[in-house]
Protein backbone atom coordinates (compact mmCIF):
# COMPACT_ATOMS: atom_id res chain seq x y z
CA MET A 1 -43.42 -61.13 -221.81
CA ARG A 2 -41.66 -61.12 -225.30
CA LEU A 3 -39.82 -63.12 -227.29
CA ILE A 4 -36.40 -61.73 -227.62
CA ILE A 5 -33.49 -63.91 -229.83
CA THR A 6 -29.63 -62.28 -228.99
CA PHE A 7 -27.53 -62.23 -231.66
CA GLU A 8 -24.94 -63.58 -230.13
CA GLU A 9 -27.51 -66.56 -229.63
CA ILE A 10 -26.56 -67.55 -233.37
CA THR A 11 -22.98 -68.97 -232.68
CA GLY A 12 -22.33 -72.94 -232.37
CA VAL A 13 -24.86 -75.65 -233.29
CA LYS A 14 -26.42 -76.12 -229.83
CA LYS A 15 -27.60 -72.73 -229.24
CA THR A 16 -28.51 -72.61 -232.88
CA LEU A 17 -30.76 -75.30 -232.75
CA GLU A 18 -32.06 -73.79 -228.97
CA VAL A 19 -32.82 -70.83 -230.52
CA LEU A 20 -34.49 -72.32 -234.08
CA ASN A 21 -36.66 -74.32 -231.22
CA ARG A 22 -37.65 -71.38 -229.42
CA ILE A 23 -39.10 -69.42 -232.83
CA MET A 24 -40.31 -72.73 -234.27
CA ALA A 25 -41.15 -75.37 -231.79
CA TYR A 26 -44.78 -74.68 -231.81
CA PHE A 27 -45.26 -76.25 -235.29
CA LEU A 28 -42.12 -78.25 -235.31
CA PRO A 29 -40.71 -79.04 -231.90
CA TYR A 30 -39.20 -82.38 -232.78
CA ASN A 31 -36.92 -80.83 -235.32
CA THR A 32 -32.99 -82.16 -234.86
CA LYS A 33 -32.22 -82.26 -238.88
CA ASN A 34 -29.93 -80.37 -241.10
CA LYS A 35 -28.09 -78.14 -238.37
CA THR A 36 -25.76 -76.42 -240.93
CA MET A 37 -28.67 -75.12 -242.84
CA LEU A 38 -30.45 -74.27 -239.85
CA LYS A 39 -27.67 -72.07 -238.65
CA LYS A 40 -28.12 -69.84 -242.17
CA ILE A 41 -31.62 -69.88 -242.03
CA LEU A 42 -31.85 -68.29 -238.34
CA PHE A 43 -30.82 -64.80 -239.53
CA THR A 44 -34.18 -64.68 -241.70
CA LEU A 45 -36.54 -66.07 -238.94
CA LEU A 46 -35.09 -63.18 -236.50
CA ALA A 47 -37.38 -60.99 -238.65
CA PHE A 48 -40.35 -62.38 -237.90
CA THR A 49 -40.28 -62.11 -233.99
CA THR A 50 -40.12 -58.39 -234.00
CA LEU A 51 -43.43 -57.64 -235.92
CA ALA A 52 -45.23 -54.25 -234.40
CA GLN A 53 -47.18 -51.61 -235.52
CA ALA A 54 -46.64 -47.46 -235.66
CA GLN A 55 -48.39 -44.34 -236.27
CA HIS A 56 -46.79 -40.95 -235.86
CA THR A 57 -43.31 -41.53 -235.20
CA ILE A 58 -41.09 -44.54 -234.99
CA THR A 59 -38.31 -43.95 -232.47
CA GLY A 60 -35.12 -46.69 -232.23
CA THR A 61 -31.93 -46.92 -230.70
CA PHE A 62 -29.23 -49.21 -231.62
CA THR A 63 -26.43 -50.52 -229.53
CA PRO A 64 -23.33 -50.23 -229.98
CA ALA A 65 -24.21 -46.70 -231.48
CA GLU A 66 -21.29 -46.73 -233.47
CA LYS A 67 -22.27 -50.08 -235.13
CA TYR A 68 -24.99 -48.93 -237.18
CA LYS A 69 -24.62 -45.72 -239.55
CA TRP A 70 -28.40 -45.51 -241.50
CA ALA A 71 -31.98 -47.20 -241.36
CA ILE A 72 -34.23 -47.07 -244.43
CA LEU A 73 -38.12 -47.67 -243.55
CA TYR A 74 -40.27 -48.79 -246.36
CA LYS A 75 -44.18 -49.22 -246.44
CA MET A 76 -44.22 -52.66 -247.77
CA SER A 77 -46.95 -54.50 -250.32
CA PRO A 78 -47.32 -57.68 -251.77
CA THR A 79 -44.75 -57.50 -254.66
CA ARG A 80 -42.59 -54.38 -253.80
CA PRO A 81 -41.28 -52.16 -251.28
CA ASN A 82 -42.73 -48.27 -251.40
CA TYR A 83 -39.90 -46.18 -250.03
CA VAL A 84 -40.93 -43.72 -247.48
CA SER A 85 -37.84 -42.20 -245.48
CA GLN A 86 -34.19 -42.80 -244.30
CA GLY A 87 -32.13 -41.52 -242.06
CA LYS A 88 -29.07 -41.16 -240.21
CA ILE A 89 -28.26 -43.21 -237.04
CA ASP A 90 -27.04 -40.26 -234.93
CA ASN A 91 -25.41 -41.55 -231.56
CA GLY A 92 -27.43 -44.68 -231.93
CA LYS A 93 -30.60 -42.84 -231.99
CA ILE A 94 -33.24 -42.24 -235.13
CA THR A 95 -36.74 -41.06 -235.48
CA PHE A 96 -39.07 -41.73 -238.58
CA THR A 97 -42.02 -39.39 -239.05
CA LEU A 98 -45.22 -40.75 -240.63
CA ASP A 99 -47.38 -37.77 -242.20
CA SER A 100 -51.13 -38.51 -242.72
CA THR A 101 -50.35 -40.35 -246.10
CA GLN A 102 -48.89 -43.19 -244.34
CA THR A 103 -51.73 -45.72 -243.93
CA LYS A 104 -52.24 -48.78 -242.14
CA GLY A 105 -50.34 -51.86 -242.70
CA ILE A 106 -46.63 -53.46 -242.63
CA TYR A 107 -43.95 -51.62 -242.26
CA LYS A 108 -40.11 -52.82 -242.92
CA ILE A 109 -36.73 -50.76 -240.99
CA THR A 110 -33.85 -52.01 -243.07
CA TYR A 111 -30.43 -50.86 -241.26
CA ASP A 112 -27.34 -52.86 -242.98
CA LEU A 113 -26.39 -54.54 -246.08
CA PRO A 114 -27.35 -56.92 -247.47
CA GLN A 115 -30.93 -55.27 -246.90
CA GLU A 116 -33.02 -58.48 -247.53
CA GLU A 117 -31.03 -60.10 -244.36
CA PHE A 118 -30.73 -57.04 -241.55
CA ASN A 119 -34.26 -55.70 -241.62
CA PHE A 120 -37.90 -56.39 -239.41
CA ASP A 121 -41.44 -55.60 -239.64
CA VAL A 122 -43.45 -53.24 -238.06
CA LEU A 123 -47.18 -53.72 -237.55
CA PHE A 124 -48.79 -50.26 -238.14
CA ASN A 125 -52.11 -50.20 -236.66
CA GLY A 126 -53.05 -46.68 -237.10
CA ASN A 127 -53.47 -45.64 -233.55
CA GLU A 128 -49.82 -45.49 -231.63
CA ASP A 129 -46.27 -44.02 -231.76
CA ILE A 130 -43.53 -47.03 -232.00
CA THR A 131 -40.09 -47.26 -230.26
CA PHE A 132 -38.08 -50.16 -230.72
CA THR A 133 -34.16 -50.74 -229.34
CA LEU A 134 -31.96 -53.23 -231.50
CA ASP A 135 -29.05 -54.32 -229.33
CA ALA A 136 -26.25 -56.72 -230.72
CA LYS A 137 -25.86 -58.77 -227.73
CA LYS A 138 -29.69 -58.67 -226.41
CA GLY A 139 -31.70 -58.50 -229.93
CA ILE A 140 -34.70 -56.71 -231.28
CA ILE A 141 -37.52 -55.28 -228.99
CA ILE A 142 -40.44 -53.32 -230.33
CA HIS A 143 -43.11 -51.28 -227.92
CA SER A 144 -46.70 -51.81 -229.66
CA GLN A 145 -50.09 -53.12 -228.81
CA ALA A 146 -50.21 -55.87 -231.84
CA ASN A 147 -46.32 -56.62 -231.08
CA ASP A 148 -47.06 -56.89 -227.48
CA ILE A 149 -50.30 -59.62 -228.09
CA LEU A 150 -48.27 -61.49 -231.10
CA GLY A 151 -44.70 -61.33 -229.04
CA GLU A 152 -46.40 -63.15 -225.83
CA TYR A 153 -48.58 -65.51 -228.09
CA MET A 154 -44.93 -66.57 -230.34
CA ASN A 155 -43.45 -67.00 -226.26
CA LYS A 156 -46.00 -69.09 -224.75
CA MET A 157 -46.65 -71.39 -228.06
CA SER A 158 -43.16 -72.11 -228.14
CA GLN A 159 -42.61 -72.89 -224.84
CA ILE A 160 -45.55 -75.42 -225.24
CA GLY A 161 -43.77 -76.76 -228.44
CA GLN A 162 -40.49 -77.06 -226.89
CA LYS A 163 -42.45 -79.34 -223.87
CA ILE A 164 -44.09 -81.17 -226.30
CA GLY A 165 -40.47 -81.95 -228.58
CA GLU A 166 -38.54 -82.61 -225.20
CA PHE A 167 -41.64 -85.71 -224.09
CA TYR A 168 -41.19 -87.24 -227.41
CA THR A 169 -37.43 -86.81 -227.27
CA HIS A 170 -37.11 -88.41 -224.08
CA GLY A 171 -39.27 -91.22 -225.03
CA ASP A 172 -41.67 -90.25 -222.31
CA THR A 173 -44.94 -92.44 -222.07
CA ASP A 174 -46.92 -90.52 -220.03
CA LYS A 175 -49.91 -90.08 -222.23
CA LYS A 176 -51.84 -88.02 -220.26
CA ALA A 177 -49.27 -85.80 -219.93
CA LEU A 178 -49.30 -85.30 -223.74
CA LEU A 179 -52.65 -84.96 -224.09
CA SER A 180 -52.25 -82.06 -221.09
CA LEU A 181 -49.81 -80.18 -223.39
CA PHE A 182 -51.90 -80.69 -226.75
CA ASN A 183 -54.43 -79.31 -224.83
CA SER A 184 -52.76 -76.36 -223.55
CA GLN A 185 -51.55 -75.35 -226.80
CA ARG A 186 -55.20 -75.44 -228.81
CA GLU A 187 -56.31 -73.35 -225.71
CA THR A 188 -53.37 -71.03 -226.31
CA GLN A 189 -54.04 -70.85 -229.89
CA ASN A 190 -58.09 -69.72 -229.44
CA ALA A 191 -57.36 -67.46 -226.78
CA TYR A 192 -55.04 -65.24 -229.01
CA GLU A 193 -56.98 -65.52 -231.77
CA GLU A 194 -59.65 -63.74 -229.65
CA GLN A 195 -57.17 -61.26 -227.99
CA ALA A 196 -55.89 -60.72 -231.52
CA LYS A 197 -59.42 -59.48 -233.24
CA ASN A 198 -59.38 -56.20 -234.87
CA SER A 199 -55.28 -56.36 -234.84
CA LEU A 200 -52.85 -57.04 -237.87
CA ALA A 201 -51.42 -59.39 -235.10
CA TYR A 202 -54.70 -61.10 -235.61
CA GLU A 203 -53.32 -62.49 -239.55
CA PHE A 204 -50.10 -64.00 -238.11
CA VAL A 205 -51.51 -65.47 -234.77
CA ARG A 206 -54.26 -67.33 -237.02
CA ALA A 207 -51.78 -68.22 -239.94
CA ASN A 208 -49.43 -69.46 -237.09
CA LYS A 209 -51.72 -71.65 -235.66
CA PRO A 210 -49.82 -75.33 -235.55
CA TYR A 211 -51.04 -78.61 -235.91
CA ILE A 212 -52.46 -80.04 -232.75
CA PRO A 213 -53.37 -83.92 -232.14
CA ASN A 214 -56.60 -85.18 -230.70
CA GLU A 215 -55.32 -88.03 -229.21
CA TYR A 216 -52.05 -89.55 -228.51
CA ILE A 217 -49.76 -90.35 -231.23
CA ASP A 218 -45.71 -91.24 -231.48
CA ALA A 219 -43.13 -89.24 -232.55
CA ALA A 220 -43.10 -90.68 -236.00
CA THR A 221 -46.53 -90.01 -236.92
CA TYR A 222 -46.14 -86.60 -235.30
CA ILE A 223 -43.62 -85.32 -237.92
CA THR A 224 -45.82 -86.99 -240.85
CA LYS A 225 -48.79 -84.98 -239.48
CA LEU A 226 -46.74 -82.07 -238.74
CA GLN A 227 -45.24 -81.82 -242.13
CA GLU A 228 -48.72 -82.84 -244.06
CA HIS A 229 -50.57 -80.10 -242.05
CA TYR A 230 -47.71 -77.38 -242.36
CA PHE A 231 -49.80 -75.30 -244.79
CA ASP A 232 -53.07 -75.88 -243.42
CA THR A 233 -53.19 -72.25 -242.16
CA ILE A 234 -50.51 -70.42 -244.45
CA ASP A 235 -52.66 -68.47 -247.02
CA TYR A 236 -49.97 -67.47 -249.85
CA THR A 237 -53.07 -65.15 -251.09
CA ASN A 238 -53.46 -63.03 -247.75
CA PRO A 239 -52.17 -59.58 -248.87
CA THR A 240 -50.96 -58.73 -244.80
CA LEU A 241 -48.90 -61.78 -245.34
CA GLN A 242 -47.64 -61.07 -248.50
CA SER A 243 -46.27 -57.48 -247.51
CA SER A 244 -44.60 -59.07 -244.35
CA ASN A 245 -41.62 -61.45 -243.72
CA PHE A 246 -43.84 -64.45 -242.60
CA LEU A 247 -44.12 -66.24 -246.00
CA MET A 248 -40.82 -66.77 -246.55
CA GLU A 249 -39.70 -67.10 -243.58
CA ARG A 250 -42.29 -70.00 -242.99
CA SER A 251 -41.18 -71.33 -246.65
CA LEU A 252 -37.64 -71.31 -245.47
CA GLY A 253 -38.67 -73.56 -242.07
CA TYR A 254 -40.14 -75.86 -244.26
CA LEU A 255 -37.51 -76.02 -246.74
CA VAL A 256 -34.93 -76.74 -244.61
CA GLY A 257 -37.18 -78.51 -241.46
CA PHE A 258 -38.49 -81.53 -242.92
CA VAL A 259 -35.02 -83.30 -244.04
CA PRO A 260 -34.64 -86.72 -243.79
CA GLU A 261 -31.26 -87.99 -241.97
CA THR A 262 -30.65 -90.71 -245.26
CA GLU A 263 -31.43 -88.61 -247.62
CA ASP A 264 -29.54 -85.87 -250.23
CA PHE A 265 -29.67 -82.55 -249.23
CA THR A 266 -30.12 -81.06 -252.51
CA THR A 267 -32.85 -83.91 -253.71
CA VAL A 268 -35.31 -83.37 -251.11
CA TYR A 269 -35.01 -79.19 -251.08
CA ASN A 270 -35.82 -79.78 -254.55
CA THR A 271 -39.01 -81.56 -253.30
CA ASN A 272 -39.81 -79.22 -250.67
CA LEU A 273 -39.61 -76.55 -253.19
CA ASP A 274 -41.94 -78.25 -255.42
CA VAL A 275 -44.15 -78.25 -252.10
CA ILE A 276 -43.73 -74.90 -251.76
CA PHE A 277 -44.62 -73.70 -255.10
CA SER A 278 -48.16 -75.65 -254.68
CA HIS A 279 -49.23 -73.62 -252.43
CA LEU A 280 -47.58 -70.26 -253.97
CA SER A 281 -49.35 -71.42 -256.96
CA LYS A 282 -52.56 -70.16 -255.61
CA ALA A 283 -51.52 -66.37 -255.81
CA ASN A 284 -51.47 -64.24 -258.91
CA ASP A 285 -48.22 -64.21 -261.20
CA ASN A 286 -47.22 -60.99 -260.16
CA PHE A 287 -46.86 -61.89 -256.39
CA GLN A 288 -45.57 -65.75 -257.19
CA LYS A 289 -42.26 -63.67 -259.30
CA SER A 290 -41.16 -61.60 -256.49
CA PHE A 291 -41.72 -64.23 -254.11
CA LEU A 292 -39.89 -66.80 -256.14
CA TYR A 293 -37.06 -64.02 -256.81
CA ASP A 294 -37.01 -63.44 -252.97
CA LEU A 295 -36.76 -66.87 -252.26
CA TRP A 296 -33.94 -67.59 -255.18
CA GLN A 297 -31.76 -64.77 -253.70
CA ARG A 298 -31.76 -66.13 -250.59
CA LEU A 299 -30.82 -69.95 -252.04
CA VAL A 300 -28.15 -67.89 -253.70
CA ASN A 301 -26.85 -66.41 -250.31
CA TYR A 302 -26.50 -69.85 -248.81
CA ASN A 303 -24.52 -71.28 -251.74
CA LEU A 304 -27.54 -73.62 -252.43
CA THR A 305 -26.37 -73.48 -256.60
CA ASP A 306 -28.19 -76.47 -257.40
CA ASN A 307 -31.39 -75.46 -255.70
CA ALA A 308 -31.39 -72.11 -256.90
CA ASN A 309 -30.79 -73.28 -260.09
CA TYR A 310 -33.65 -75.99 -259.94
CA LEU A 311 -36.12 -73.26 -258.71
CA SER A 312 -35.30 -70.85 -261.34
CA GLU A 313 -35.47 -73.52 -264.27
CA LYS A 314 -38.54 -74.81 -263.33
CA TYR A 315 -40.84 -72.03 -262.11
CA LEU A 316 -39.03 -68.73 -262.03
CA ILE A 317 -38.03 -68.49 -265.65
CA PRO A 318 -41.19 -69.70 -267.19
CA LEU A 319 -42.96 -67.25 -265.01
CA ALA A 320 -40.64 -64.06 -265.84
CA THR A 321 -40.93 -64.76 -269.51
CA LYS A 322 -45.02 -64.91 -269.34
CA LEU A 323 -44.71 -61.56 -267.65
CA GLY A 324 -42.23 -60.42 -270.27
CA ASP A 325 -39.64 -60.30 -267.59
CA ASN A 326 -36.69 -60.38 -270.18
CA LYS A 327 -34.39 -58.95 -268.02
CA LEU A 328 -34.81 -61.48 -265.07
CA VAL A 329 -34.57 -64.18 -267.40
CA THR A 330 -31.23 -62.92 -268.57
CA LYS A 331 -30.03 -62.65 -264.94
CA LEU A 332 -31.49 -66.11 -263.93
CA ILE A 333 -29.99 -67.76 -266.94
CA GLU A 334 -26.43 -65.81 -266.68
CA TYR A 335 -26.62 -66.96 -263.10
CA LYS A 336 -26.74 -70.82 -263.70
CA ASN A 337 -24.00 -70.16 -266.70
CA LEU A 338 -21.59 -69.14 -264.21
CA SER A 339 -22.25 -71.62 -261.58
CA ILE A 340 -19.77 -73.58 -259.77
CA GLY A 341 -19.11 -76.84 -262.06
CA ASN A 342 -20.33 -75.63 -265.43
CA VAL A 343 -18.08 -74.72 -268.26
CA ALA A 344 -17.14 -71.08 -268.65
CA PRO A 345 -18.40 -68.93 -271.26
CA ASP A 346 -15.59 -68.89 -274.13
CA PHE A 347 -14.38 -66.00 -275.39
CA SER A 348 -11.28 -65.30 -277.84
CA TRP A 349 -8.35 -63.09 -278.13
CA LYS A 350 -5.96 -62.47 -280.85
CA ILE A 351 -2.29 -63.38 -281.03
CA THR A 352 0.77 -62.80 -282.93
CA GLU A 353 2.66 -66.36 -283.77
CA ASP A 354 5.35 -66.77 -286.40
CA GLY A 355 4.60 -63.40 -287.34
CA LYS A 356 1.03 -64.17 -288.22
CA GLU A 357 -2.05 -62.96 -286.24
CA LYS A 358 -3.95 -65.88 -285.01
CA THR A 359 -7.28 -65.93 -282.97
CA GLN A 360 -7.05 -67.85 -279.42
CA HIS A 361 -10.23 -69.44 -277.51
CA LEU A 362 -10.32 -69.83 -273.96
CA LEU A 363 -11.42 -73.37 -274.03
CA ASP A 364 -8.99 -74.85 -276.51
CA LEU A 365 -6.40 -73.54 -274.07
CA ASP A 366 -4.24 -76.67 -272.60
CA ILE A 367 -1.14 -74.95 -270.72
CA ALA A 368 -1.81 -75.04 -267.06
CA GLN A 369 -4.05 -77.19 -264.87
CA ASN A 370 -5.90 -74.20 -263.71
CA TYR A 371 -6.49 -70.90 -265.01
CA ILE A 372 -7.16 -67.48 -262.95
CA VAL A 373 -9.68 -65.09 -265.13
CA VAL A 374 -9.51 -61.56 -264.01
CA PHE A 375 -11.46 -59.15 -265.01
CA TRP A 376 -9.97 -55.87 -264.57
CA SER A 377 -9.52 -52.19 -266.11
CA SER A 378 -6.30 -49.75 -266.52
CA THR A 379 -8.95 -46.68 -265.41
CA CYS A 380 -9.50 -48.77 -262.17
CA SER A 381 -7.79 -47.45 -259.38
CA HIS A 382 -8.37 -50.36 -256.54
CA CYS A 383 -7.16 -52.70 -260.12
CA LEU A 384 -3.77 -51.11 -260.09
CA LYS A 385 -3.32 -51.88 -256.51
CA GLU A 386 -4.30 -55.26 -256.67
CA ILE A 387 -2.95 -56.36 -259.68
CA PRO A 388 0.52 -56.29 -258.73
CA LYS A 389 -0.35 -58.23 -255.87
CA LEU A 390 -1.95 -61.07 -257.54
CA GLN A 391 1.28 -60.86 -259.69
CA LYS A 392 3.26 -61.29 -256.46
CA PHE A 393 0.75 -64.40 -255.53
CA VAL A 394 1.15 -66.32 -258.82
CA LYS A 395 4.86 -65.92 -259.18
CA ASN A 396 4.99 -68.26 -255.91
CA LEU A 397 2.94 -70.74 -257.67
CA ASP A 398 3.72 -73.97 -259.97
CA SER A 399 3.42 -72.21 -263.72
CA THR A 400 2.20 -75.42 -265.02
CA GLN A 401 -0.68 -75.15 -262.40
CA TYR A 402 -1.93 -72.15 -262.61
CA LYS A 403 -2.01 -69.29 -265.72
CA VAL A 404 -3.56 -65.90 -265.58
CA ILE A 405 -5.92 -64.41 -268.11
CA ALA A 406 -6.51 -60.94 -267.22
CA VAL A 407 -9.65 -59.44 -269.11
CA GLY A 408 -9.17 -55.58 -269.81
CA LEU A 409 -12.54 -54.07 -269.98
CA GLU A 410 -11.69 -51.00 -271.27
CA ASP A 411 -12.39 -47.92 -273.36
CA GLU A 412 -12.04 -48.16 -277.11
CA ASP A 413 -8.58 -46.32 -276.71
CA ASN A 414 -6.23 -49.12 -275.33
CA ASN A 415 -2.65 -47.41 -275.37
CA ASN A 416 -3.43 -46.68 -271.23
CA TRP A 417 -4.33 -50.62 -271.26
CA LYS A 418 -1.40 -51.80 -273.36
CA SER A 419 1.12 -49.51 -271.19
CA GLU A 420 0.19 -51.42 -268.05
CA THR A 421 0.11 -55.35 -269.37
CA TYR A 422 3.44 -54.98 -269.91
CA TYR A 423 4.13 -54.89 -266.37
CA TYR A 424 2.71 -58.20 -266.33
CA PRO A 425 4.36 -60.50 -268.88
CA GLU A 426 3.43 -63.73 -267.45
CA PHE A 427 -0.46 -63.01 -267.79
CA ILE A 428 -2.60 -63.69 -271.08
CA HIS A 429 -4.12 -60.22 -272.13
CA VAL A 430 -7.37 -59.85 -273.37
CA PHE A 431 -8.50 -56.28 -274.94
CA ALA A 432 -12.66 -56.20 -273.95
CA PRO A 433 -13.38 -52.68 -275.43
CA GLY A 434 -16.67 -50.85 -274.84
CA LYS A 435 -15.71 -52.06 -270.79
CA TRP A 436 -19.33 -52.16 -269.03
CA ASP A 437 -20.70 -53.18 -272.56
CA ASN A 438 -18.71 -55.97 -273.91
CA GLU A 439 -19.24 -59.19 -274.75
CA ILE A 440 -16.84 -61.03 -272.84
CA GLY A 441 -17.58 -59.03 -269.64
CA ASN A 442 -21.40 -59.21 -270.27
CA SER A 443 -21.43 -63.15 -270.65
CA TYR A 444 -19.68 -63.21 -267.32
CA GLY A 445 -21.88 -60.85 -265.70
CA ILE A 446 -19.03 -58.54 -264.68
CA THR A 447 -20.66 -55.58 -262.86
CA GLY A 448 -17.29 -54.51 -261.16
CA THR A 449 -13.68 -55.12 -261.18
CA PRO A 450 -11.60 -56.77 -260.23
CA THR A 451 -13.49 -60.31 -260.66
CA TYR A 452 -12.43 -63.48 -260.22
CA PHE A 453 -13.24 -66.56 -261.42
CA VAL A 454 -11.35 -69.84 -261.13
CA LEU A 455 -11.11 -72.52 -263.63
CA ASP A 456 -9.93 -76.26 -263.76
CA LYS A 457 -8.09 -77.96 -267.04
CA ASP A 458 -11.55 -78.57 -268.61
CA LYS A 459 -12.35 -74.82 -267.99
CA ARG A 460 -15.01 -75.69 -265.49
CA ILE A 461 -15.70 -73.24 -262.97
CA ILE A 462 -14.31 -74.06 -259.59
CA ALA A 463 -14.16 -70.85 -257.42
CA LYS A 464 -15.48 -67.62 -257.61
CA PRO A 465 -13.56 -65.50 -255.10
CA GLN A 466 -15.30 -62.32 -253.94
CA SER A 467 -11.61 -60.89 -253.20
CA LEU A 468 -8.07 -61.27 -253.72
CA GLU A 469 -7.96 -62.73 -250.19
CA GLU A 470 -10.66 -65.20 -250.61
CA LEU A 471 -8.90 -66.14 -254.13
CA GLU A 472 -5.40 -66.72 -251.73
CA GLU A 473 -7.06 -68.72 -249.42
CA PHE A 474 -8.71 -70.68 -251.96
CA ILE A 475 -5.64 -71.78 -253.78
CA THR A 476 -3.75 -72.17 -250.97
CA GLN A 477 -5.96 -74.81 -249.55
CA LYS A 478 -6.19 -76.40 -252.75
CA THR A 479 -2.52 -76.71 -253.32
CA LYS A 480 -1.78 -78.43 -249.80
């Protein structure tokens, strides 16, 4: 028996909660809060159900075959992935060969972008080959001894947890029935801990041990106890757990799992982040930095901007500074400065007025209710196709409502840029020499062109569209 979660099940709030309960019910069966974020978080939780092991080969089948093109295998360590090999998925098939240098431990297979979401862990006990199937409709199944143990354990504990949750949500009063469920939960945990000994699966079974009452307690008390004892068996200093998705998944589970209905999500998430860090702080600094950065990236991906900035300011920036990682500090500060709601970084350009050259600043502009700042380049073929489309779209807007500021990231020679600007007389054009090493581009964290920002009249960032289509959609919705 294995716990199988299908990708089709991740659609709709109802199905989302059903699937999440199947994964988390053994430690949080009464969770019905924060449905929107639970839907987003499911993708990260799915990976844990596919832990396994390997030896000489890891052979996989992907369905539908045309959907998947490549896969990469890493050997995991507490602070970084170590590349092993990569290959093309040929007609849905791929095989990784592990030589004698590949030792027992946690391996990770990534198969799409972003890699931090599309991956799964493999437990390598060192004594058998591994096969797996990844089906877009049926989910991921991995065949190996450790995975069989862990899968059966997860499935049985989830079933019991669901029954406990149903008992409380249905308002049942049969105390003996509830105590029987708690005893079954305790016996199952003990049995699988014994069965998993001498296997990498043991570390995960032991760390998954839920809070199990010895006597009848009501629903409110049970939830409180679940939260109080959530981290009792989760060891952030354990190298095996550090090398897997486990600690991140459990941290995300706590982050979104304990949110009172009446509380503001942002405030509660920050409080939950504090609790997570209180346990993470027992690990060494390098793992803390690696883990916090990964968690920060997840918050960014989920558009939890305020929580991402809280995490970086309170914990990650001080830690990165302590470790001398100035590049990371710069990146975190840059993200905060460019977050929605912040005033955009100022920059200036030269204009000619009444025959005299003057300096114009972005923050001094007062000619429109909104501004579209687009970073482009006259040597960017994609820009040359997209900027005319932007011009066409803007021409249909009220000129007092939107003004385009086109920042040209160019080489020192501006002749080509000048020629192109003549086609867009309604834009404010800013010449930014040095291309990828330009002060303006650097202050906006530009790594590709075209890149868009939408500002309000006070130059606060109100949108960061990822494409022209997103820009048009945002403005269209805003003007309705």
